[in-house]
Amino acid sequence: MPADGVALTASQHLLTPQEVQRLATLFVKAGVTKIRLTGGEPTVRKDLQEIVQRLSTLKPLGLQTIAITSNGIALGRQLPGLVAAGLSLHGLNISLDSLKAERFERLTRRRGHGRVLQSIQQAVDMGFDPVKVNVVLQRGVNDDEVADFVEMTRSQPVNVRFIEYMPFDGNVWSTAKMVPYREVMQRINDRFPGGLQRQQDPAGEVAKNFTVPGFTGSVSFVTSMTHAFCGDCNRLRLLADGALKVCLFGANEVSLR
């Protein structure tokens, strides 16, 4: 979280559930099979369950997956309702950059570390498989926790996704903070017997996927900085106000309202 926070879009400028359904219908009819609700933080919307319900009506048209990415703080109490509304049990990502409460609060500028961990465990208990945990590594900030995050995959269907630190407005990015994925891989290989074993990546996958022998879960790397995947990218981003972006890093937008 930037020190000066983030600008919030006024509610009157947000897409309504009906508008989300209308645009999603057009995309699904054009061949889109997966929709992910992300942010910002989707759980701040009081109509999130309604949006998931409306998207679920598109499954007969070819929509296969309704997914969500959340910070996990308010997710726990909403998760049963979201599943009932149609959230896919293989479509949950939870962002968590530290397993240490004090460090978590320093990075996010908020409390709630325990609630995020509870959300992860609740998702496992509810049958989400895998529960994806997004970890943005920063050198000298949280890269000493790599082995601890990998341990999360030992006995539960957790997919820890190490994400290379990327430049965004307000995050004071520098190359010195970025930990290349190959360095992280080497640390894991040195720490765990048998090292990492490569898995087959689905078409259009943005992550490189691995397992540790004998572990239930998996470890992935999102290598946006050192090994870009632009050539295989098949994603579009529709912003909350109806603006369409074809690249997260691109400045160009076009309104679909």
Protein backbone atom coordinates (compact mmCIF):
# COMPACT_ATOMS: atom_id res chain seq x y z
CA MET A 1 0.00 0.00 0.00
CA PRO A 2 1.47 3.39 -0.98
CA ALA A 3 2.15 5.77 1.91
CA ASP A 4 -0.46 8.24 0.61
CA GLY A 5 -3.06 5.54 -0.02
CA VAL A 6 -4.94 5.05 -3.28
CA ALA A 7 -7.59 7.14 -4.99
CA LEU A 8 -11.04 5.55 -4.82
CA THR A 9 -13.51 5.71 -7.67
CA ALA A 10 -16.81 7.31 -6.68
CA SER A 11 -19.61 4.74 -6.46
CA GLN A 12 -21.69 6.48 -9.14
CA HIS A 13 -18.89 5.80 -11.64
CA LEU A 14 -18.67 2.05 -10.92
CA LEU A 15 -20.22 -0.52 -13.19
CA THR A 16 -23.50 -1.81 -11.80
CA PRO A 17 -24.07 -5.58 -11.48
CA GLN A 18 -26.34 -5.35 -14.51
CA GLU A 19 -23.61 -3.62 -16.56
CA VAL A 20 -21.03 -6.18 -15.45
CA GLN A 21 -23.35 -8.97 -16.59
CA ARG A 22 -24.05 -7.27 -19.92
CA LEU A 23 -20.36 -6.77 -20.75
CA ALA A 24 -19.44 -10.24 -19.49
CA THR A 25 -22.11 -11.74 -21.73
CA LEU A 26 -20.53 -10.10 -24.77
CA PHE A 27 -17.08 -11.39 -23.85
CA VAL A 28 -18.29 -14.94 -23.13
CA LYS A 29 -20.13 -15.06 -26.43
CA ALA A 30 -16.84 -14.03 -28.06
CA GLY A 31 -15.03 -16.99 -26.45
CA VAL A 32 -13.94 -15.90 -22.97
CA THR A 33 -14.13 -18.89 -20.61
CA LYS A 34 -12.73 -17.43 -17.37
CA ILE A 35 -13.59 -14.24 -15.48
CA ARG A 36 -11.63 -13.11 -12.44
CA LEU A 37 -12.87 -10.40 -10.08
CA THR A 38 -9.89 -8.56 -8.67
CA GLY A 39 -9.00 -5.05 -7.67
CA GLY A 40 -8.35 -3.08 -5.68
CA GLU A 41 -10.30 -5.29 -3.34
CA PRO A 42 -13.54 -6.89 -4.62
CA THR A 43 -14.90 -7.73 -1.17
CA VAL A 44 -15.48 -4.04 -0.43
CA ARG A 45 -18.41 -4.14 -2.86
CA LYS A 46 -21.65 -4.91 -1.06
CA ASP A 47 -23.05 -6.35 -4.29
CA LEU A 48 -20.18 -8.78 -4.89
CA GLN A 49 -22.34 -11.87 -4.32
CA GLU A 50 -24.93 -10.53 -6.76
CA ILE A 51 -22.22 -9.99 -9.37
CA VAL A 52 -21.02 -13.59 -8.96
CA GLN A 53 -24.62 -14.83 -9.23
CA ARG A 54 -25.12 -12.88 -12.44
CA LEU A 55 -21.86 -14.18 -13.91
CA SER A 56 -22.89 -17.71 -13.00
CA THR A 57 -25.85 -17.44 -15.37
CA LEU A 58 -23.32 -17.29 -18.23
CA LYS A 59 -22.06 -20.84 -17.70
CA PRO A 60 -24.51 -22.28 -20.27
CA LEU A 61 -22.95 -19.84 -22.77
CA GLY A 62 -19.47 -21.24 -22.19
CA LEU A 63 -18.13 -19.55 -19.05
CA GLN A 64 -16.15 -22.20 -17.19
CA THR A 65 -14.51 -20.38 -14.27
CA ILE A 66 -15.51 -17.54 -11.97
CA ALA A 67 -12.48 -16.55 -9.92
CA ILE A 68 -11.56 -13.89 -7.39
CA THR A 69 -8.39 -12.30 -6.04
CA SER A 70 -8.67 -10.88 -2.53
CA ASN A 71 -6.52 -9.54 0.29
CA GLY A 72 -8.38 -12.02 2.51
CA ILE A 73 -9.22 -9.63 5.33
CA ALA A 74 -12.98 -9.58 4.84
CA LEU A 75 -13.17 -12.69 2.68
CA GLY A 76 -13.88 -15.29 5.35
CA ARG A 77 -17.41 -14.21 6.17
CA GLN A 78 -18.29 -13.82 2.49
CA LEU A 79 -16.78 -17.03 1.15
CA PRO A 80 -19.75 -19.39 1.81
CA GLY A 81 -22.13 -17.02 0.04
CA LEU A 82 -19.77 -16.55 -2.89
CA VAL A 83 -19.45 -20.31 -3.35
CA ALA A 84 -23.22 -20.68 -3.22
CA ALA A 85 -23.46 -17.93 -5.85
CA GLY A 86 -21.13 -19.80 -8.21
CA LEU A 87 -17.53 -18.99 -7.33
CA SER A 88 -15.31 -21.79 -8.70
CA LEU A 89 -13.47 -23.97 -6.19
CA HIS A 90 -10.30 -23.66 -8.26
CA GLY A 91 -10.59 -19.89 -8.65
CA LEU A 92 -9.33 -18.28 -5.44
CA ASN A 93 -6.19 -16.17 -5.03
CA ILE A 94 -5.32 -14.52 -1.71
CA SER A 95 -2.58 -11.91 -1.50
CA LEU A 96 -0.17 -12.27 1.43
CA ASP A 97 3.34 -10.82 1.39
CA SER A 98 4.44 -11.85 4.88
CA LEU A 99 3.76 -14.58 7.43
CA LYS A 100 4.89 -12.21 10.19
CA ALA A 101 2.12 -10.05 11.66
CA GLU A 102 4.26 -7.00 12.38
CA ARG A 103 5.79 -7.03 8.90
CA PHE A 104 2.37 -7.55 7.32
CA GLU A 105 1.05 -4.45 9.09
CA ARG A 106 4.05 -2.43 7.97
CA LEU A 107 3.61 -3.47 4.33
CA THR A 108 -0.17 -3.12 4.14
CA ARG A 109 -0.57 -0.29 6.65
CA ARG A 110 -3.44 -2.16 8.27
CA ARG A 111 -4.17 -4.89 10.78
CA GLY A 112 -5.79 -8.19 9.90
CA HIS A 113 -2.92 -10.62 9.42
CA GLY A 114 -4.69 -13.29 11.45
CA ARG A 115 -7.86 -12.91 9.40
CA VAL A 116 -5.93 -13.45 6.15
CA LEU A 117 -4.43 -16.68 7.51
CA GLN A 118 -7.89 -17.76 8.68
CA SER A 119 -9.31 -17.07 5.21
CA ILE A 120 -6.65 -19.30 3.65
CA GLN A 121 -7.39 -22.13 6.05
CA GLN A 122 -11.14 -21.68 5.66
CA ALA A 123 -10.78 -21.92 1.89
CA VAL A 124 -8.78 -25.15 2.23
CA ASP A 125 -11.42 -26.57 4.58
CA MET A 126 -14.18 -25.63 2.12
CA GLY A 127 -12.53 -27.61 -0.66
CA PHE A 128 -10.81 -24.93 -2.74
CA ASP A 129 -8.05 -26.69 -4.65
CA PRO A 130 -5.69 -25.10 -4.99
CA VAL A 131 -5.83 -22.05 -2.76
CA LYS A 132 -3.43 -19.70 -4.49
CA VAL A 133 -1.36 -17.40 -2.29
CA ASN A 134 0.18 -14.44 -4.12
CA VAL A 135 3.50 -13.27 -2.66
CA VAL A 136 5.29 -10.20 -4.04
CA LEU A 137 8.93 -10.56 -3.01
CA GLN A 138 11.10 -7.55 -2.21
CA ARG A 139 14.78 -7.89 -1.44
CA GLY A 140 15.57 -6.99 2.14
CA VAL A 141 11.87 -6.74 2.97
CA ASN A 142 10.33 -10.21 2.88
CA ASP A 143 12.63 -12.41 0.78
CA ASP A 144 13.85 -14.09 3.97
CA GLU A 145 10.43 -15.83 4.16
CA VAL A 146 10.71 -17.86 0.96
CA ALA A 147 11.21 -21.18 2.74
CA ASP A 148 8.38 -20.45 5.18
CA PHE A 149 5.97 -19.83 2.32
CA VAL A 150 7.06 -23.04 0.58
CA GLU A 151 6.30 -24.90 3.83
CA MET A 152 2.66 -23.86 3.40
CA THR A 153 2.50 -26.29 0.48
CA ARG A 154 3.77 -29.31 2.41
CA SER A 155 0.49 -30.84 3.55
CA GLN A 156 -2.28 -28.69 2.08
CA PRO A 157 -3.48 -27.87 -1.46
CA VAL A 158 -1.87 -24.44 -1.44
CA ASN A 159 -0.20 -22.95 -4.50
CA VAL A 160 2.30 -20.29 -3.41
CA ARG A 161 2.95 -17.88 -6.26
CA PHE A 162 6.13 -15.81 -5.97
CA ILE A 163 5.66 -12.64 -8.02
CA GLU A 164 8.54 -10.50 -9.17
CA TYR A 165 8.28 -6.96 -7.84
CA MET A 166 6.85 -4.79 -10.61
CA PRO A 167 6.79 -0.99 -11.06
CA PHE A 168 3.43 0.62 -10.29
CA ASP A 169 2.52 4.17 -9.31
CA GLY A 170 3.40 4.80 -5.69
CA ASN A 171 5.39 1.64 -4.93
CA VAL A 172 8.86 3.25 -5.19
CA TRP A 173 10.13 0.47 -7.45
CA SER A 174 13.83 -0.15 -8.01
CA THR A 175 15.87 -2.96 -9.51
CA ALA A 176 17.60 -3.38 -6.14
CA LYS A 177 14.29 -4.49 -4.59
CA MET A 178 13.45 -7.01 -7.31
CA VAL A 179 14.39 -10.65 -6.61
CA PRO A 180 14.73 -12.62 -9.89
CA TYR A 181 12.79 -15.85 -9.97
CA ARG A 182 15.87 -17.94 -10.77
CA GLU A 183 17.47 -16.75 -7.55
CA VAL A 184 14.35 -17.75 -5.60
CA MET A 185 14.34 -21.13 -7.33
CA GLN A 186 17.94 -21.71 -6.31
CA ARG A 187 17.19 -20.87 -2.70
CA ILE A 188 14.34 -23.40 -2.69
CA ASN A 189 16.45 -26.06 -4.39
CA ASP A 190 19.19 -25.54 -1.78
CA ARG A 191 16.74 -25.69 1.12
CA PHE A 192 14.47 -28.62 0.19
CA PRO A 193 15.73 -32.13 -0.69
CA GLY A 194 14.81 -33.06 -4.22
CA GLY A 195 14.37 -29.40 -5.17
CA LEU A 196 11.66 -28.20 -7.48
CA GLN A 197 10.13 -30.38 -10.17
CA ARG A 198 8.68 -28.67 -13.26
CA GLN A 199 5.00 -29.13 -14.01
CA GLN A 200 3.09 -28.75 -17.26
CA ASP A 201 1.72 -25.23 -17.64
CA PRO A 202 -1.75 -24.75 -19.17
CA ALA A 203 -2.06 -22.66 -22.32
CA GLY A 204 -2.05 -18.96 -21.52
CA GLU A 205 -0.66 -19.53 -18.02
CA VAL A 206 1.26 -16.54 -16.66
CA ALA A 207 3.15 -18.58 -14.05
CA LYS A 208 5.86 -21.22 -14.19
CA ASN A 209 4.64 -24.10 -12.03
CA PHE A 210 6.62 -26.52 -9.85
CA THR A 211 6.19 -28.98 -7.00
CA VAL A 212 8.45 -30.09 -4.18
CA PRO A 213 8.61 -33.91 -4.11
CA GLY A 214 6.29 -35.28 -1.43
CA PHE A 215 4.45 -31.99 -0.93
CA THR A 216 0.69 -31.71 -1.46
CA GLY A 217 0.68 -28.21 -2.90
CA SER A 218 2.79 -26.40 -5.46
CA VAL A 219 5.06 -23.42 -6.02
CA SER A 220 4.82 -21.01 -8.95
CA PHE A 221 6.72 -18.02 -10.27
CA VAL A 222 5.22 -15.02 -12.04
CA THR A 223 8.23 -13.66 -13.92
CA SER A 224 6.92 -10.37 -15.24
CA MET A 225 10.28 -8.59 -15.05
CA THR A 226 12.95 -11.15 -15.98
CA HIS A 227 11.04 -13.44 -18.36
CA ALA A 228 8.01 -11.65 -19.75
CA PHE A 229 5.08 -13.69 -21.05
CA CYS A 230 3.55 -11.03 -23.31
CA GLY A 231 3.67 -13.32 -26.34
CA ASP A 232 1.38 -15.86 -24.65
CA CYS A 233 -0.86 -13.40 -22.82
CA ASN A 234 -4.56 -13.87 -23.59
CA ARG A 235 -6.02 -11.56 -20.95
CA LEU A 236 -8.08 -8.39 -20.95
CA ARG A 237 -8.70 -6.17 -17.94
CA LEU A 238 -12.02 -4.41 -17.47
CA LEU A 239 -11.74 -1.70 -14.84
CA ALA A 240 -14.46 -0.99 -12.30
CA ASP A 241 -15.56 2.11 -14.22
CA GLY A 242 -15.96 0.25 -17.51
CA ALA A 243 -12.61 1.12 -19.07
CA LEU A 244 -10.93 -1.67 -21.04
CA LYS A 245 -7.16 -2.26 -20.87
CA VAL A 246 -5.41 -4.83 -23.03
CA CYS A 247 -2.22 -4.64 -20.93
CA LEU A 248 -1.78 -4.04 -17.22
CA PHE A 249 1.34 -1.98 -17.95
CA GLY A 250 -0.23 -0.06 -20.82
CA ALA A 251 -1.58 3.45 -20.39
CA ASN A 252 -4.24 3.19 -23.11
CA GLU A 253 -7.85 2.63 -22.12
CA VAL A 254 -11.18 2.68 -23.94
CA SER A 255 -14.53 3.06 -22.19
CA LEU A 256 -17.13 0.39 -22.92
CA ARG A 257 -19.98 2.27 -21.28
